[in-house]
PDB file of N, CA and C in Angstrom:
ATOM      1  N   UNK A   1     108.779  86.204 109.156  1.00  0.00           N
ATOM      2  CA  UNK A   1     108.696  86.642 110.560  1.00  0.00           C
ATOM      3  C   UNK A   1     107.122  86.623 110.828  1.00  0.00           C
ATOM      4  N   UNK A   2     106.886  85.974 111.765  1.00  0.00           N
ATOM      5  CA  UNK A   2     105.373  85.805 112.118  1.00  0.00           C
ATOM      6  C   UNK A   2     104.988  86.793 113.324  1.00  0.00           C
ATOM      7  N   UNK A   3     103.712  87.328 113.219  1.00  0.00           N
ATOM      8  CA  UNK A   3     103.258  88.239 114.300  1.00  0.00           C
ATOM      9  C   UNK A   3     101.852  87.801 114.616  1.00  0.00           C
ATOM     10  N   UNK A   4     101.444  87.978 115.876  1.00  0.00           N
ATOM     11  CA  UNK A   4     100.202  87.660 116.365  1.00  0.00           C
ATOM     12  C   UNK A   4      99.526  89.059 116.866  1.00  0.00           C
ATOM     13  N   UNK A   5      98.295  89.306 116.407  1.00  0.00           N
ATOM     14  CA  UNK A   5      97.491  90.378 116.846  1.00  0.00           C
ATOM     15  C   UNK A   5      96.594  90.003 118.032  1.00  0.00           C
ATOM     16  N   UNK A   6      96.667  90.725 119.039  1.00  0.00           N
ATOM     17  CA  UNK A   6      95.867  90.424 120.217  1.00  0.00           C
ATOM     18  C   UNK A   6      95.047  91.654 120.532  1.00  0.00           C
ATOM     19  N   UNK A   7      93.799  91.484 121.027  1.00  0.00           N
ATOM     20  CA  UNK A   7      92.873  92.626 121.390  1.00  0.00           C
ATOM     21  C   UNK A   7      91.908  92.189 122.455  1.00  0.00           C
ATOM     22  N   UNK A   8      91.167  93.189 122.960  1.00  0.00           N
ATOM     23  CA  UNK A   8      90.042  93.053 123.811  1.00  0.00           C
ATOM     24  C   UNK A   8      88.831  93.400 123.113  1.00  0.00           C
ATOM     25  N   UNK A   9      87.917  92.437 123.221  1.00  0.00           N
ATOM     26  CA  UNK A   9      86.508  92.581 122.633  1.00  0.00           C
ATOM     27  C   UNK A   9      85.469  92.586 123.599  1.00  0.00           C
ATOM     28  N   UNK A  10      84.214  92.454 123.283  1.00  0.00           N
ATOM     29  CA  UNK A  10      83.066  92.391 124.220  1.00  0.00           C
ATOM     30  C   UNK A  10      83.157  91.209 125.088  1.00  0.00           C
ATOM     31  N   UNK A  11      83.690  90.073 124.533  1.00  0.00           N
ATOM     32  CA  UNK A  11      83.861  88.811 125.423  1.00  0.00           C
ATOM     33  C   UNK A  11      85.217  88.651 126.093  1.00  0.00           C
ATOM     34  N   UNK A  12      85.969  89.711 126.075  1.00  0.00           N
ATOM     35  CA  UNK A  12      87.290  89.548 126.726  1.00  0.00           C
ATOM     36  C   UNK A  12      88.324  89.499 125.834  1.00  0.00           C
ATOM     37  N   UNK A  13      89.705  89.194 126.255  1.00  0.00           N
ATOM     38  CA  UNK A  13      90.958  89.033 125.378  1.00  0.00           C
ATOM     39  C   UNK A  13      90.736  87.913 124.397  1.00  0.00           C
ATOM     40  N   UNK A  14      91.486  88.253 123.259  1.00  0.00           N
ATOM     41  CA  UNK A  14      91.544  87.275 122.157  1.00  0.00           C
ATOM     42  C   UNK A  14      92.806  87.347 121.341  1.00  0.00           C
ATOM     43  N   UNK A  15      93.266  86.193 120.765  1.00  0.00           N
ATOM     44  CA  UNK A  15      94.350  86.295 119.941  1.00  0.00           C
ATOM     45  C   UNK A  15      94.134  85.270 118.853  1.00  0.00           C
ATOM     46  N   UNK A  16      93.721  85.789 117.657  1.00  0.00           N
ATOM     47  CA  UNK A  16      93.272  84.897 116.697  1.00  0.00           C
ATOM     48  C   UNK A  16      94.024  85.205 115.332  1.00  0.00           C
ATOM     49  N   UNK A  17      94.481  86.412 115.173  1.00  0.00           N
ATOM     50  CA  UNK A  17      95.002  86.770 113.774  1.00  0.00           C
ATOM     51  C   UNK A  17      96.510  86.489 113.897  1.00  0.00           C
ATOM     52  N   UNK A  18      97.066  85.967 112.865  1.00  0.00           N
ATOM     53  CA  UNK A  18      98.384  85.762 112.648  1.00  0.00           C
ATOM     54  C   UNK A  18      98.734  86.422 111.322  1.00  0.00           C
ATOM     55  N   UNK A  19      99.841  87.059 111.232  1.00  0.00           N
ATOM     56  CA  UNK A  19     100.337  87.588 109.994  1.00  0.00           C
ATOM     57  C   UNK A  19     101.787  87.479 109.774  1.00  0.00           C
ATOM     58  N   UNK A  20     102.263  87.204 108.532  1.00  0.00           N
ATOM     59  CA  UNK A  20     103.467  86.817 108.105  1.00  0.00           C
ATOM     60  C   UNK A  20     104.521  88.075 108.046  1.00  0.00           C
ATOM     61  N   UNK A  21     103.918  89.265 107.722  1.00  0.00           N
ATOM     62  CA  UNK A  21     104.756  90.345 107.568  1.00  0.00           C
ATOM     63  C   UNK A  21     104.469  91.543 108.546  1.00  0.00           C
ATOM     64  N   UNK A  22     105.273  92.427 108.647  1.00  0.00           N
ATOM     65  CA  UNK A  22     105.088  93.529 109.555  1.00  0.00           C
ATOM     66  C   UNK A  22     103.938  94.437 108.941  1.00  0.00           C
ATOM     67  N   UNK A  23     103.923  94.603 107.716  1.00  0.00           N
ATOM     68  CA  UNK A  23     102.885  95.493 106.994  1.00  0.00           C
ATOM     69  C   UNK A  23     101.592  94.882 107.284  1.00  0.00           C
ATOM     70  N   UNK A  24     101.408  93.675 106.994  1.00  0.00           N
ATOM     71  CA  UNK A  24     100.212  92.958 107.227  1.00  0.00           C
ATOM     72  C   UNK A  24      99.712  92.919 108.755  1.00  0.00           C
ATOM     73  N   UNK A  25     100.654  92.801 109.645  1.00  0.00           N
ATOM     74  CA  UNK A  25     100.248  92.806 111.135  1.00  0.00           C
ATOM     75  C   UNK A  25      99.718  94.343 111.416  1.00  0.00           C
ATOM     76  N   UNK A  26     100.421  95.315 111.038  1.00  0.00           N
ATOM     77  CA  UNK A  26      99.961  96.560 111.317  1.00  0.00           C
ATOM     78  C   UNK A  26      98.659  96.979 110.644  1.00  0.00           C
ATOM     79  N   UNK A  27      98.402  96.493 109.472  1.00  0.00           N
ATOM     80  CA  UNK A  27      97.142  96.740 108.783  1.00  0.00           C
ATOM     81  C   UNK A  27      95.881  96.124 109.541  1.00  0.00           C
ATOM     82  N   UNK A  28      96.192  94.874 109.969  1.00  0.00           N
ATOM     83  CA  UNK A  28      95.055  94.205 110.650  1.00  0.00           C
ATOM     84  C   UNK A  28      94.957  94.844 112.074  1.00  0.00           C
ATOM     85  N   UNK A  29      95.997  95.324 112.825  1.00  0.00           N
ATOM     86  CA  UNK A  29      95.756  96.021 114.047  1.00  0.00           C
ATOM     87  C   UNK A  29      94.968  97.230 113.832  1.00  0.00           C
ATOM     88  N   UNK A  30      95.417  97.954 112.838  1.00  0.00           N
ATOM     89  CA  UNK A  30      94.659  99.310 112.666  1.00  0.00           C
ATOM     90  C   UNK A  30      93.205  99.125 112.266  1.00  0.00           C
ATOM     91  N   UNK A  31      92.872  98.014 111.539  1.00  0.00           N
ATOM     92  CA  UNK A  31      91.536  97.586 111.433  1.00  0.00           C
ATOM     93  C   UNK A  31      90.747  97.330 112.484  1.00  0.00           C
ATOM     94  N   UNK A  32      91.335  96.483 113.275  1.00  0.00           N
ATOM     95  CA  UNK A  32      90.667  96.111 114.678  1.00  0.00           C
ATOM     96  C   UNK A  32      90.496  97.497 115.400  1.00  0.00           C
ATOM     97  N   UNK A  33      91.371  98.383 115.561  1.00  0.00           N
ATOM     98  CA  UNK A  33      91.219  99.644 116.266  1.00  0.00           C
ATOM     99  C   UNK A  33      89.942 100.464 115.598  1.00  0.00           C
ATOM    100  N   UNK A  34      89.979 100.448 114.324  1.00  0.00           N
ATOM    101  CA  UNK A  34      88.822 101.232 113.657  1.00  0.00           C
ATOM    102  C   UNK A  34      87.615 100.462 113.788  1.00  0.00           C
ATOM    103  N   UNK A  35      87.565  99.160 114.093  1.00  0.00           N
ATOM    104  CA  UNK A  35      86.300  98.580 114.478  1.00  0.00           C
ATOM    105  C   UNK A  35      85.765  98.519 115.847  1.00  0.00           C
ATOM    106  N   UNK A  36      86.516  99.382 116.625  1.00  0.00           N
ATOM    107  CA  UNK A  36      86.174  99.617 117.994  1.00  0.00           C
ATOM    108  C   UNK A  36      86.889  98.690 119.142  1.00  0.00           C
ATOM    109  N   UNK A  37      87.609  97.760 118.724  1.00  0.00           N
ATOM    110  CA  UNK A  37      88.333  96.909 119.729  1.00  0.00           C
ATOM    111  C   UNK A  37      89.343  97.659 120.427  1.00  0.00           C
ATOM    112  N   UNK A  38      89.654  97.305 121.669  1.00  0.00           N
ATOM    113  CA  UNK A  38      90.567  98.024 122.596  1.00  0.00           C
ATOM    114  C   UNK A  38      91.823  97.177 122.899  1.00  0.00           C
ATOM    115  N   UNK A  39      92.698  97.773 123.532  1.00  0.00           N
ATOM    116  CA  UNK A  39      93.855  97.063 123.869  1.00  0.00           C
ATOM    117  C   UNK A  39      94.439  96.291 122.762  1.00  0.00           C
ATOM    118  N   UNK A  40      94.507  96.857 121.655  1.00  0.00           N
ATOM    119  CA  UNK A  40      95.038  96.093 120.422  1.00  0.00           C
ATOM    120  C   UNK A  40      96.642  96.261 120.531  1.00  0.00           C
ATOM    121  N   UNK A  41      97.292  94.943 120.433  1.00  0.00           N
ATOM    122  CA  UNK A  41      98.718  94.911 120.412  1.00  0.00           C
ATOM    123  C   UNK A  41      99.246  93.923 119.440  1.00  0.00           C
ATOM    124  N   UNK A  42     100.385  94.144 118.933  1.00  0.00           N
ATOM    125  CA  UNK A  42     101.101  93.129 118.063  1.00  0.00           C
ATOM    126  C   UNK A  42     102.265  92.471 118.842  1.00  0.00           C
ATOM    127  N   UNK A  43     102.093  91.167 118.811  1.00  0.00           N
ATOM    128  CA  UNK A  43     103.083  90.365 119.427  1.00  0.00           C
ATOM    129  C   UNK A  43     104.189  89.797 118.454  1.00  0.00           C
ATOM    130  N   UNK A  44     105.342  89.976 118.914  1.00  0.00           N
ATOM    131  CA  UNK A  44     106.396  89.652 118.079  1.00  0.00           C
ATOM    132  C   UNK A  44     106.922  88.115 118.660  1.00  0.00           C
ATOM    133  N   UNK A  45     107.485  87.495 117.818  1.00  0.00           N
ATOM    134  CA  UNK A  45     107.829  86.021 118.277  1.00  0.00           C
ATOM    135  C   UNK A  45     108.732  85.965 119.438  1.00  0.00           C
ATOM    136  N   UNK A  46     109.478  87.019 119.682  1.00  0.00           N
ATOM    137  CA  UNK A  46     110.406  87.180 120.972  1.00  0.00           C
ATOM    138  C   UNK A  46     109.489  87.338 122.283  1.00  0.00           C
ATOM    139  N   UNK A  47     108.251  87.508 122.145  1.00  0.00           N
ATOM    140  CA  UNK A  47     107.330  87.848 123.425  1.00  0.00           C
ATOM    141  C   UNK A  47     106.996  89.138 123.544  1.00  0.00           C
ATOM    142  N   UNK A  48     107.604  90.159 122.847  1.00  0.00           N
ATOM    143  CA  UNK A  48     107.386  91.643 123.082  1.00  0.00           C
ATOM    144  C   UNK A  48     105.990  92.010 122.453  1.00  0.00           C
ATOM    145  N   UNK A  49     105.419  92.901 123.156  1.00  0.00           N
ATOM    146  CA  UNK A  49     104.030  93.478 122.667  1.00  0.00           C
ATOM    147  C   UNK A  49     104.239  95.024 122.321  1.00  0.00           C
ATOM    148  N   UNK A  50     103.713  95.188 121.109  1.00  0.00           N
ATOM    149  CA  UNK A  50     103.731  96.593 120.572  1.00  0.00           C
ATOM    150  C   UNK A  50     102.356  97.164 120.290  1.00  0.00           C
ATOM    151  N   UNK A  51     102.115  98.360 120.796  1.00  0.00           N
ATOM    152  CA  UNK A  51     100.875  99.143 120.378  1.00  0.00           C
ATOM    153  C   UNK A  51     101.138  99.422 118.825  1.00  0.00           C
ATOM    154  N   UNK A  52     100.138  99.471 118.111  1.00  0.00           N
ATOM    155  CA  UNK A  52     100.334  99.771 116.695  1.00  0.00           C
ATOM    156  C   UNK A  52     101.211 100.945 116.322  1.00  0.00           C
ATOM    157  N   UNK A  53     101.119 102.032 116.959  1.00  0.00           N
ATOM    158  CA  UNK A  53     102.075 103.172 116.737  1.00  0.00           C
ATOM    159  C   UNK A  53     103.338 102.893 117.018  1.00  0.00           C
ATOM    160  N   UNK A  54     103.692 102.246 118.136  1.00  0.00           N
ATOM    161  CA  UNK A  54     105.041 101.898 118.476  1.00  0.00           C
ATOM    162  C   UNK A  54     105.617 100.804 117.449  1.00  0.00           C
ATOM    163  N   UNK A  55     104.820  99.787 117.084  1.00  0.00           N
ATOM    164  CA  UNK A  55     105.174  98.840 116.149  1.00  0.00           C
ATOM    165  C   UNK A  55     105.539  99.492 114.833  1.00  0.00           C
ATOM    166  N   UNK A  56     104.745 100.448 114.351  1.00  0.00           N
ATOM    167  CA  UNK A  56     104.980 101.089 113.082  1.00  0.00           C
ATOM    168  C   UNK A  56     106.342 101.930 113.181  1.00  0.00           C
ATOM    169  N   UNK A  57     106.658 102.537 114.245  1.00  0.00           N
ATOM    170  CA  UNK A  57     107.927 103.159 114.423  1.00  0.00           C
ATOM    171  C   UNK A  57     109.046 102.280 114.455  1.00  0.00           C
ATOM    172  N   UNK A  58     108.945 100.951 115.270  1.00  0.00           N
ATOM    173  CA  UNK A  58     110.040 100.135 115.254  1.00  0.00           C
ATOM    174  C   UNK A  58     110.315  99.387 114.064  1.00  0.00           C
ATOM    175  N   UNK A  59     109.363  99.082 113.239  1.00  0.00           N
ATOM    176  CA  UNK A  59     109.505  98.343 111.933  1.00  0.00           C
ATOM    177  C   UNK A  59     109.224  99.237 110.677  1.00  0.00           C
ATOM    178  N   UNK A  60     109.527 100.617 110.902  1.00  0.00           N
ATOM    179  CA  UNK A  60     109.281 101.612 109.824  1.00  0.00           C
ATOM    180  C   UNK A  60     110.037 101.248 108.513  1.00  0.00           C
ATOM    181  N   UNK A  61     111.259 100.632 108.701  1.00  0.00           N
ATOM    182  CA  UNK A  61     112.114 100.386 107.572  1.00  0.00           C
ATOM    183  C   UNK A  61     111.678  99.051 106.763  1.00  0.00           C
ATOM    184  N   UNK A  62     110.783  98.146 107.425  1.00  0.00           N
ATOM    185  CA  UNK A  62     110.264  97.096 106.662  1.00  0.00           C
ATOM    186  C   UNK A  62     108.746  97.172 106.295  1.00  0.00           C
ATOM    187  N   UNK A  63     108.034  98.223 106.766  1.00  0.00           N
ATOM    188  CA  UNK A  63     106.694  98.496 106.307  1.00  0.00           C
ATOM    189  C   UNK A  63     106.671  99.355 105.180  1.00  0.00           C
ATOM    190  N   UNK A  64     106.138  99.057 104.116  1.00  0.00           N
ATOM    191  CA  UNK A  64     106.142  99.913 102.751  1.00  0.00           C
ATOM    192  C   UNK A  64     104.693  99.917 102.457  1.00  0.00           C
TER     193      UNK A  64
END
């Protein structure tokens, strides 16, 4: 399953990171938040956007 990480940085919105697993997507999103980026969301292939905390709750059974 593929996920895209989207965020807002100093130059505006960006979508450049793609991750194959839920765990990798959450880790990347949390790192972006830790680096000061805002509006970090994880996009699922069905088009739904999740804040990292919501994503962790929704995918808790697959994140180890």
